Amino acid sequence: MRAYLKILSSIIAALLSWASIASAVSGVTALVSDNVSIVEALVFPFLLVWAGFMMFGITGSVFWFVFLSVVATHSLGPMKRQILAACVSTLACWLIIGLAFSGGEFKRLLETATLLVFMVPVVAVSLAWYWFLYLRTTGKAS
């Protein structure tokens, strides 16, 4: 259970860091351009984060934990196991969400490939947060 909470916390940290960066950029843009309401510019990225959490945060963390348990016996370093488990969980989440959006038809599954554009950055930053929070201090990143 502790490993799952580490994974979930790194995903939440990644989502919040993406939202903070996007909110700061859109806030500065709104102040400079005077076209958009500052409240909308600051709140909208956090609404996208909520959608990202629904898309990858819950199912992705469960798959990541399950796949991490599967690769735990392999002779990879701790970070390499995390990367492998995160990549496989990304594909599993994309397949599930893609099949749901395509009506269960494998022929239309490639149409949902654009969802990976939203998932891959979250996974990459989640891995960076996982390393920063849990593996950096122990020196077990190899």
Protein backbone atom coordinates (compact mmCIF):
# COMPACT_ATOMS: atom_id res chain seq x y z
CA MET A 1 0.00 0.00 0.00
CA ARG A 2 2.89 2.33 0.71
CA ALA A 3 4.25 1.86 -2.83
CA TYR A 4 0.84 2.71 -4.27
CA LEU A 5 0.65 5.93 -2.22
CA LYS A 6 4.10 6.91 -3.47
CA ILE A 7 2.96 6.43 -7.06
CA LEU A 8 -0.29 8.31 -6.51
CA SER A 9 1.47 11.19 -4.77
CA SER A 10 3.98 11.53 -7.60
CA ILE A 11 1.13 11.65 -10.14
CA ILE A 12 -0.69 14.30 -8.11
CA ALA A 13 2.52 16.32 -7.76
CA ALA A 14 3.05 16.11 -11.52
CA LEU A 15 -0.48 17.24 -12.28
CA LEU A 16 -0.27 20.14 -9.86
CA SER A 17 3.13 21.24 -11.16
CA TRP A 18 1.85 21.19 -14.76
CA ALA A 19 -1.20 23.19 -13.69
CA SER A 20 0.87 25.72 -11.78
CA ILE A 21 3.16 26.32 -14.74
CA ALA A 22 0.25 26.58 -17.17
CA SER A 23 -1.63 28.86 -14.79
CA ALA A 24 1.34 31.17 -14.39
CA VAL A 25 1.90 31.36 -18.15
CA SER A 26 -1.77 31.96 -18.93
CA GLY A 27 -2.03 34.48 -16.09
CA VAL A 28 0.90 36.51 -17.40
CA THR A 29 -0.50 36.25 -20.91
CA ALA A 30 -3.89 37.49 -19.69
CA LEU A 31 -2.27 40.41 -17.89
CA VAL A 32 -0.21 41.39 -20.90
CA SER A 33 -2.87 40.95 -23.59
CA ASP A 34 -5.88 42.22 -21.63
CA ASN A 35 -8.09 39.90 -23.71
CA VAL A 36 -8.95 37.17 -21.22
CA SER A 37 -10.30 37.37 -17.72
CA ILE A 38 -7.51 36.74 -15.22
CA VAL A 39 -9.72 34.38 -13.19
CA GLU A 40 -10.40 32.17 -16.19
CA ALA A 41 -6.73 32.14 -17.09
CA LEU A 42 -5.73 31.04 -13.60
CA VAL A 43 -8.53 28.50 -12.99
CA PHE A 44 -8.74 26.76 -16.37
CA PRO A 45 -5.41 24.86 -16.07
CA PHE A 46 -6.56 23.39 -12.76
CA LEU A 47 -9.77 22.19 -14.42
CA LEU A 48 -7.62 20.48 -17.02
CA VAL A 49 -5.62 18.88 -14.21
CA TRP A 50 -8.83 17.51 -12.75
CA ALA A 51 -9.64 15.97 -16.13
CA GLY A 52 -6.10 14.59 -16.33
CA PHE A 53 -6.47 13.08 -12.89
CA MET A 54 -9.67 11.36 -13.98
CA MET A 55 -7.98 10.16 -17.18
CA PHE A 56 -4.69 8.86 -15.76
CA GLY A 57 -4.51 9.57 -12.03
CA ILE A 58 -6.74 6.83 -10.73
CA THR A 59 -6.48 4.08 -13.33
CA GLY A 60 -2.88 4.91 -14.18
CA SER A 61 -1.74 4.65 -10.59
CA VAL A 62 -3.47 1.30 -10.14
CA PHE A 63 -1.95 -0.08 -13.35
CA TRP A 64 1.44 1.39 -12.46
CA PHE A 65 1.32 -0.37 -9.08
CA VAL A 66 0.20 -3.68 -10.61
CA PHE A 67 2.85 -3.61 -13.33
CA LEU A 68 5.48 -2.58 -10.78
CA SER A 69 4.59 -5.67 -8.76
CA VAL A 70 5.02 -7.78 -11.90
CA VAL A 71 8.46 -6.37 -12.77
CA ALA A 72 9.68 -6.34 -9.16
CA THR A 73 11.41 -9.69 -9.63
CA HIS A 74 13.43 -8.51 -12.64
CA SER A 75 17.04 -7.51 -12.19
CA LEU A 76 16.47 -3.89 -13.10
CA GLY A 77 17.30 -0.91 -10.94
CA PRO A 78 14.50 0.77 -8.98
CA MET A 79 14.10 3.67 -11.43
CA LYS A 80 14.18 1.40 -14.48
CA ARG A 81 11.41 -0.70 -12.94
CA GLN A 82 9.38 2.47 -12.34
CA ILE A 83 9.91 3.61 -15.93
CA LEU A 84 8.89 0.24 -17.35
CA ALA A 85 5.81 0.00 -15.14
CA ALA A 86 4.78 3.60 -15.92
CA CYS A 87 5.14 3.11 -19.67
CA VAL A 88 3.09 -0.07 -19.67
CA SER A 89 0.45 1.55 -17.47
CA THR A 90 0.26 4.47 -19.90
CA LEU A 91 -0.46 2.10 -22.76
CA ALA A 92 -3.01 0.19 -20.69
CA CYS A 93 -4.84 3.39 -19.74
CA TRP A 94 -4.79 4.58 -23.32
CA LEU A 95 -6.25 1.27 -24.49
CA ILE A 96 -9.05 1.40 -21.94
CA ILE A 97 -9.94 5.03 -22.55
CA GLY A 98 -9.42 4.65 -26.30
CA LEU A 99 -11.72 1.66 -26.49
CA ALA A 100 -14.33 3.52 -24.46
CA PHE A 101 -14.16 6.55 -26.78
CA SER A 102 -14.13 4.45 -29.94
CA GLY A 103 -17.17 2.45 -28.94
CA GLY A 104 -15.17 -0.72 -28.41
CA GLU A 105 -14.07 -0.93 -32.04
CA PHE A 106 -10.40 -1.71 -32.56
CA LYS A 107 -10.60 -0.18 -36.05
CA ARG A 108 -11.22 3.27 -34.59
CA LEU A 109 -8.67 2.94 -31.78
CA LEU A 110 -5.99 4.94 -33.60
CA GLU A 111 -8.34 7.94 -33.68
CA THR A 112 -7.86 8.23 -29.93
CA ALA A 113 -4.06 8.37 -30.18
CA THR A 114 -4.23 12.10 -29.44
CA LEU A 115 -4.99 11.19 -25.83
CA LEU A 116 -1.36 10.10 -25.53
CA VAL A 117 -0.35 13.74 -26.04
CA PHE A 118 -2.01 14.51 -22.72
CA MET A 119 -0.89 11.37 -20.89
CA VAL A 120 2.81 11.11 -21.78
CA PRO A 121 3.87 14.47 -20.27
CA VAL A 122 2.04 13.64 -17.05
CA VAL A 123 3.77 10.26 -16.85
CA ALA A 124 7.17 11.78 -17.59
CA VAL A 125 6.82 14.42 -14.89
CA SER A 126 5.37 11.82 -12.50
CA LEU A 127 8.50 9.73 -12.95
CA ALA A 128 10.64 12.79 -12.31
CA TRP A 129 8.69 13.57 -9.14
CA TYR A 130 8.92 9.94 -8.04
CA TRP A 131 12.69 10.05 -8.45
CA PHE A 132 12.94 13.43 -6.72
CA LEU A 133 10.72 12.49 -3.77
CA TYR A 134 11.60 8.86 -3.13
CA LEU A 135 14.72 7.67 -4.92
CA ARG A 136 17.03 10.69 -5.00
CA THR A 137 17.70 10.69 -1.27
CA THR A 138 18.44 6.97 -1.12
CA GLY A 139 20.79 6.92 -4.10
CA LYS A 140 18.93 3.99 -5.64
CA ALA A 141 18.15 5.60 -8.98
CA SER A 142 20.17 3.23 -11.15
